[in-house]
Every structure is written in structure tokens, then in C-alpha cells.
């Protein structure tokens, strides 16, 4: 069962999230370009912009497994 908890957004956590997003985009770049790939890349870039805009200390919801 998963448990929801909140962790403050630190520069290290922000970097980990952005690295994960960059890896996902890099993997998508190896796929054939189609509407679904472009849609997912756009969503990932929007998520990265949102994470970058959040202030340090922002409570990020996390799930413990």
C-alpha cells in the first residue's frame, strides 16, 4: 500500500526531477515522431517549466511504497 507524504522542494530534488524528465525526453527522441510522441514531449516540457517555477521549500507530494 502506498502512503502519501510531503517533502520540501530542494535544489537537489528539483535536479533529480529535471534529470528524470530529461531522460524521458531523450528516450522519446529515439522514437518515430508522431502526434503521441510530440504530445508527451510537450507535456514533459510543461512539467519541467512548472517544477522550475516552484519556489524552494514548496511541499511536493510523494508516495512511499
N, C-alpha and C. Protein backbone atom coordinates (compact mmCIF):
# COMPACT_ATOMS: atom_id res chain seq x y z
N UNK A 1 0.85 -1.18 0.00
CA UNK A 1 0.00 0.00 0.00
C UNK A 1 0.89 1.24 0.00
N UNK A 2 0.45 2.28 -0.70
CA UNK A 2 1.25 3.49 -0.77
C UNK A 2 0.79 4.49 0.27
N UNK A 3 1.74 5.26 0.75
CA UNK A 3 1.46 6.26 1.77
C UNK A 3 1.88 7.62 1.22
N UNK A 4 0.98 8.60 1.29
CA UNK A 4 1.27 9.94 0.81
C UNK A 4 1.98 10.73 1.90
N UNK A 5 3.06 11.41 1.53
CA UNK A 5 3.73 12.33 2.43
C UNK A 5 4.25 13.50 1.61
N UNK A 6 4.67 14.56 2.28
CA UNK A 6 5.13 15.76 1.59
C UNK A 6 6.60 16.01 1.91
N UNK A 7 7.35 16.33 0.88
CA UNK A 7 8.78 16.58 1.01
C UNK A 7 9.05 17.97 0.44
N UNK A 8 9.82 18.82 1.14
CA UNK A 8 10.09 20.15 0.61
C UNK A 8 10.95 20.08 -0.66
N UNK A 9 10.64 20.95 -1.61
CA UNK A 9 11.40 21.01 -2.85
C UNK A 9 12.74 21.69 -2.58
N UNK A 10 13.80 20.95 -2.72
CA UNK A 10 15.15 21.47 -2.54
C UNK A 10 15.81 21.52 -3.92
N UNK A 11 16.92 22.25 -4.04
CA UNK A 11 17.63 22.26 -5.32
C UNK A 11 18.03 20.85 -5.78
N UNK A 12 18.42 19.98 -4.85
CA UNK A 12 18.77 18.60 -5.22
C UNK A 12 17.57 17.82 -5.74
N UNK A 13 16.43 17.95 -5.06
CA UNK A 13 15.21 17.27 -5.51
C UNK A 13 14.77 17.80 -6.87
N UNK A 14 14.85 19.12 -7.04
CA UNK A 14 14.50 19.73 -8.33
C UNK A 14 15.39 19.15 -9.44
N UNK A 15 16.69 19.02 -9.15
CA UNK A 15 17.64 18.48 -10.12
C UNK A 15 17.30 17.03 -10.47
N UNK A 16 16.94 16.23 -9.46
CA UNK A 16 16.57 14.84 -9.70
C UNK A 16 15.33 14.74 -10.59
N UNK A 17 14.34 15.59 -10.31
CA UNK A 17 13.11 15.58 -11.11
C UNK A 17 13.42 15.99 -12.54
N UNK A 18 14.20 17.07 -12.70
CA UNK A 18 14.54 17.54 -14.05
C UNK A 18 15.39 16.53 -14.81
N UNK A 19 16.29 15.84 -14.11
CA UNK A 19 17.08 14.80 -14.77
C UNK A 19 16.18 13.67 -15.28
N UNK A 20 15.21 13.31 -14.47
CA UNK A 20 14.26 12.27 -14.87
C UNK A 20 13.46 12.71 -16.10
N UNK A 21 13.04 13.96 -16.11
CA UNK A 21 12.30 14.49 -17.26
C UNK A 21 13.19 14.50 -18.50
N UNK A 22 14.44 14.95 -18.36
CA UNK A 22 15.37 14.97 -19.49
C UNK A 22 15.61 13.57 -20.04
N UNK A 23 15.73 12.59 -19.15
CA UNK A 23 15.92 11.20 -19.60
C UNK A 23 14.71 10.70 -20.38
N UNK A 24 13.53 11.06 -19.92
CA UNK A 24 12.31 10.65 -20.63
C UNK A 24 12.25 11.30 -22.01
N UNK A 25 12.59 12.58 -22.10
CA UNK A 25 12.59 13.26 -23.40
C UNK A 25 13.65 12.67 -24.31
N UNK A 26 14.82 12.36 -23.76
CA UNK A 26 15.89 11.75 -24.55
C UNK A 26 15.43 10.40 -25.13
N UNK A 27 14.73 9.63 -24.32
CA UNK A 27 14.21 8.34 -24.79
C UNK A 27 13.15 8.54 -25.88
N UNK A 28 12.30 9.54 -25.71
CA UNK A 28 11.27 9.82 -26.71
C UNK A 28 11.89 10.31 -28.02
N UNK A 29 13.04 10.96 -27.94
CA UNK A 29 13.71 11.44 -29.16
C UNK A 29 14.17 10.29 -30.05
N UNK A 30 14.28 9.09 -29.50
CA UNK A 30 14.68 7.93 -30.30
C UNK A 30 13.48 7.29 -31.01
N UNK A 31 12.28 7.73 -30.63
CA UNK A 31 11.06 7.18 -31.23
C UNK A 31 10.72 7.92 -32.52
N UNK A 32 9.89 7.27 -33.32
CA UNK A 32 9.39 7.92 -34.53
C UNK A 32 8.51 9.10 -34.11
N UNK A 33 8.73 10.24 -34.76
CA UNK A 33 7.95 11.43 -34.43
C UNK A 33 6.51 11.26 -34.91
N UNK A 34 5.58 11.30 -33.98
CA UNK A 34 4.16 11.29 -34.32
C UNK A 34 3.43 12.13 -33.29
N UNK A 35 2.13 12.24 -33.41
CA UNK A 35 1.37 13.12 -32.55
C UNK A 35 1.47 12.70 -31.08
N UNK A 36 1.54 11.42 -30.80
CA UNK A 36 1.58 10.95 -29.42
C UNK A 36 2.94 11.24 -28.77
N UNK A 37 4.00 11.05 -29.52
CA UNK A 37 5.34 11.36 -29.01
C UNK A 37 5.46 12.86 -28.78
N UNK A 38 5.00 13.66 -29.74
CA UNK A 38 5.07 15.11 -29.58
C UNK A 38 4.23 15.60 -28.41
N UNK A 39 3.07 14.98 -28.21
CA UNK A 39 2.21 15.35 -27.10
C UNK A 39 2.89 15.05 -25.77
N UNK A 40 3.53 13.90 -25.66
CA UNK A 40 4.20 13.54 -24.42
C UNK A 40 5.41 14.44 -24.17
N UNK A 41 6.16 14.77 -25.21
CA UNK A 41 7.31 15.67 -25.06
C UNK A 41 6.86 17.06 -24.62
N UNK A 42 5.74 17.54 -25.17
CA UNK A 42 5.20 18.83 -24.78
C UNK A 42 4.77 18.82 -23.32
N UNK A 43 4.12 17.75 -22.90
CA UNK A 43 3.69 17.62 -21.50
C UNK A 43 4.89 17.57 -20.56
N UNK A 44 5.94 16.86 -20.94
CA UNK A 44 7.14 16.78 -20.11
C UNK A 44 7.82 18.14 -20.00
N UNK A 45 7.88 18.88 -21.10
CA UNK A 45 8.49 20.21 -21.07
C UNK A 45 7.66 21.18 -20.21
N UNK A 46 6.33 21.04 -20.25
CA UNK A 46 5.47 21.87 -19.41
C UNK A 46 5.68 21.52 -17.94
N UNK A 47 5.83 20.24 -17.64
CA UNK A 47 6.09 19.81 -16.26
C UNK A 47 7.42 20.36 -15.77
N UNK A 48 8.44 20.32 -16.62
CA UNK A 48 9.76 20.85 -16.26
C UNK A 48 9.66 22.35 -15.97
N UNK A 49 8.93 23.08 -16.80
CA UNK A 49 8.76 24.52 -16.59
C UNK A 49 8.03 24.79 -15.27
N UNK A 50 7.05 23.96 -14.95
CA UNK A 50 6.32 24.12 -13.69
C UNK A 50 7.23 23.85 -12.49
N UNK A 51 8.02 22.78 -12.55
CA UNK A 51 8.94 22.45 -11.46
C UNK A 51 9.96 23.57 -11.28
N UNK A 52 10.46 24.11 -12.40
CA UNK A 52 11.45 25.19 -12.32
C UNK A 52 10.85 26.47 -11.74
N UNK A 53 9.54 26.68 -11.90
CA UNK A 53 8.89 27.89 -11.42
C UNK A 53 8.53 27.82 -9.93
N UNK A 54 8.50 26.62 -9.36
CA UNK A 54 8.13 26.48 -7.95
C UNK A 54 9.26 26.99 -7.05
N UNK A 55 8.91 27.64 -5.94
CA UNK A 55 9.95 28.13 -5.03
C UNK A 55 10.56 26.99 -4.22
N UNK A 56 11.79 27.20 -3.76
CA UNK A 56 12.42 26.23 -2.87
C UNK A 56 11.56 26.10 -1.61
N UNK A 57 11.45 24.89 -1.11
CA UNK A 57 10.66 24.64 0.09
C UNK A 57 9.21 24.29 -0.21
N UNK A 58 8.80 24.36 -1.47
CA UNK A 58 7.42 24.03 -1.82
C UNK A 58 7.15 22.57 -1.45
N UNK A 59 6.03 22.29 -0.78
CA UNK A 59 5.75 20.90 -0.38
C UNK A 59 5.35 20.04 -1.58
N UNK A 60 6.19 19.07 -1.89
CA UNK A 60 5.96 18.18 -3.02
C UNK A 60 5.33 16.88 -2.52
N UNK A 61 4.17 16.49 -3.07
CA UNK A 61 3.57 15.22 -2.65
C UNK A 61 4.39 14.05 -3.18
N UNK A 62 4.67 13.10 -2.30
CA UNK A 62 5.43 11.90 -2.65
C UNK A 62 4.66 10.69 -2.13
N UNK A 63 4.91 9.56 -2.74
CA UNK A 63 4.28 8.31 -2.30
C UNK A 63 5.36 7.35 -1.84
N UNK A 64 5.17 6.84 -0.64
CA UNK A 64 6.07 5.82 -0.09
C UNK A 64 5.45 4.47 -0.36
N UNK A 65 6.23 3.56 -0.91
CA UNK A 65 5.72 2.23 -1.24
C UNK A 65 6.00 1.25 -0.15
